[in-house]
Protein backbone atom coordinates (compact mmCIF):
# COMPACT_ATOMS: atom_id res chain seq x y z
CA UNK A 1 5.43 -17.41 -0.07
CA UNK A 2 2.61 -14.98 0.53
CA UNK A 3 3.52 -11.11 0.76
CA UNK A 4 1.88 -8.63 2.76
CA UNK A 5 1.77 -4.79 2.22
CA UNK A 6 -0.42 -3.33 4.97
CA UNK A 7 -1.74 0.13 4.72
CA UNK A 8 -0.80 2.63 7.39
CA UNK A 9 -2.10 6.21 7.79
CA UNK A 10 0.33 8.98 9.11
CA UNK A 11 -0.14 12.47 10.63
CA UNK A 12 1.87 15.33 9.06
CA UNK A 13 4.46 14.87 11.81
CA UNK A 14 5.13 11.44 10.49
CA UNK A 15 3.47 9.89 13.51
CA UNK A 16 1.20 6.71 12.97
CA UNK A 17 -2.33 7.56 12.97
CA UNK A 18 -4.18 4.89 14.92
CA UNK A 19 -6.86 2.76 13.41
CA UNK A 20 -9.58 4.03 15.74
CA UNK A 21 -8.89 7.68 14.11
CA UNK A 22 -11.71 7.88 11.43
CA UNK A 23 -11.48 10.28 8.61
CA UNK A 24 -13.45 11.81 5.86
CA UNK A 25 -12.63 10.70 2.18
CA UNK A 26 -10.36 13.75 1.97
CA UNK A 27 -8.42 12.86 5.14
CA UNK A 28 -10.18 15.18 7.58
CA UNK A 29 -10.22 13.82 11.05
CA UNK A 30 -13.56 12.85 12.67
CA UNK A 31 -11.70 11.89 16.01
CA UNK A 32 -11.21 15.00 18.29
CA UNK A 33 -7.60 14.19 19.17
CA UNK A 34 -6.43 13.54 15.52
CA UNK A 35 -4.70 16.31 13.43
CA UNK A 36 -5.71 14.47 10.26
CA UNK A 37 -4.24 11.97 7.83
CA UNK A 38 -1.42 13.53 5.81
CA UNK A 39 -0.65 10.54 3.79
CA UNK A 40 -1.09 6.78 3.57
CA UNK A 41 1.71 4.32 3.21
CA UNK A 42 2.14 0.66 2.03
CA UNK A 43 5.40 -1.30 2.56
CA UNK A 44 5.59 -4.90 1.09
CA UNK A 45 7.25 -7.64 2.95
CA UNK A 46 9.16 -8.44 -0.07
CA UNK A 47 11.50 -5.56 0.68
CA UNK A 48 11.53 -4.15 -2.61
CA UNK A 49 8.27 -2.01 -2.75
CA UNK A 50 6.68 0.79 -0.86
CA UNK A 51 4.31 3.58 -1.83
CA UNK A 52 3.61 6.68 0.00
CA UNK A 53 0.97 9.21 -1.24
CA UNK A 54 -1.65 11.52 0.18
CA UNK A 55 -4.41 9.53 -1.59
CA UNK A 56 -5.34 6.57 0.45
CA UNK A 57 -7.28 5.12 -2.49
CA UNK A 58 -4.41 5.37 -4.79
CA UNK A 59 -1.97 3.73 -2.60
CA UNK A 60 -4.44 0.96 -1.99
CA UNK A 61 -4.85 0.38 -5.74
CA UNK A 62 -1.03 0.46 -6.20
CA UNK A 63 -0.74 -2.08 -3.33
CA UNK A 64 -3.30 -4.49 -4.85
CA UNK A 65 -1.34 -4.17 -8.25
CA UNK A 66 2.03 -5.00 -6.59
CA UNK A 67 0.63 -8.02 -4.50
CA UNK A 68 -1.12 -9.42 -7.71
CA UNK A 69 2.36 -9.20 -9.47
CA UNK A 70 3.53 -11.43 -6.73
CA UNK A 71 0.90 -13.87 -7.35
CA UNK A 72 1.84 -14.31 -10.97
CA UNK A 73 5.49 -14.81 -10.01
CA UNK A 74 8.64 -13.15 -11.14
CA UNK A 75 8.40 -12.10 -14.91
CA UNK A 76 11.64 -13.87 -15.78
CA UNK A 77 10.32 -17.23 -14.70
CA UNK A 78 7.00 -16.58 -16.30
CA UNK A 79 8.88 -15.74 -19.69
CA UNK A 80 11.02 -19.02 -19.32
CA UNK A 81 7.91 -20.92 -18.61
CA UNK A 82 5.88 -19.88 -21.66
CA UNK A 83 5.31 -22.64 -24.07
CA UNK A 84 5.20 -20.33 -27.03
CA UNK A 85 8.58 -18.65 -26.39
CA UNK A 86 10.30 -20.65 -28.99
């Protein structure tokens, strides 16, 4: 099963910031109707993980690491399948 954890940007009032609202690296708005990005959030479809932070790059890095863990499989199964475990 492939899991997804899409990034979403949000305004300070917790409303979703549309994808067409572009920002500077620091989150300042380049769109005239946008109050600015207050935080970025990623929620995994596995239901056990989410990350919310004002740093978009940080959230994206955490998201990538989490999704890579899914690709490796659960730790319990990895440990059981190790040939040198005995």
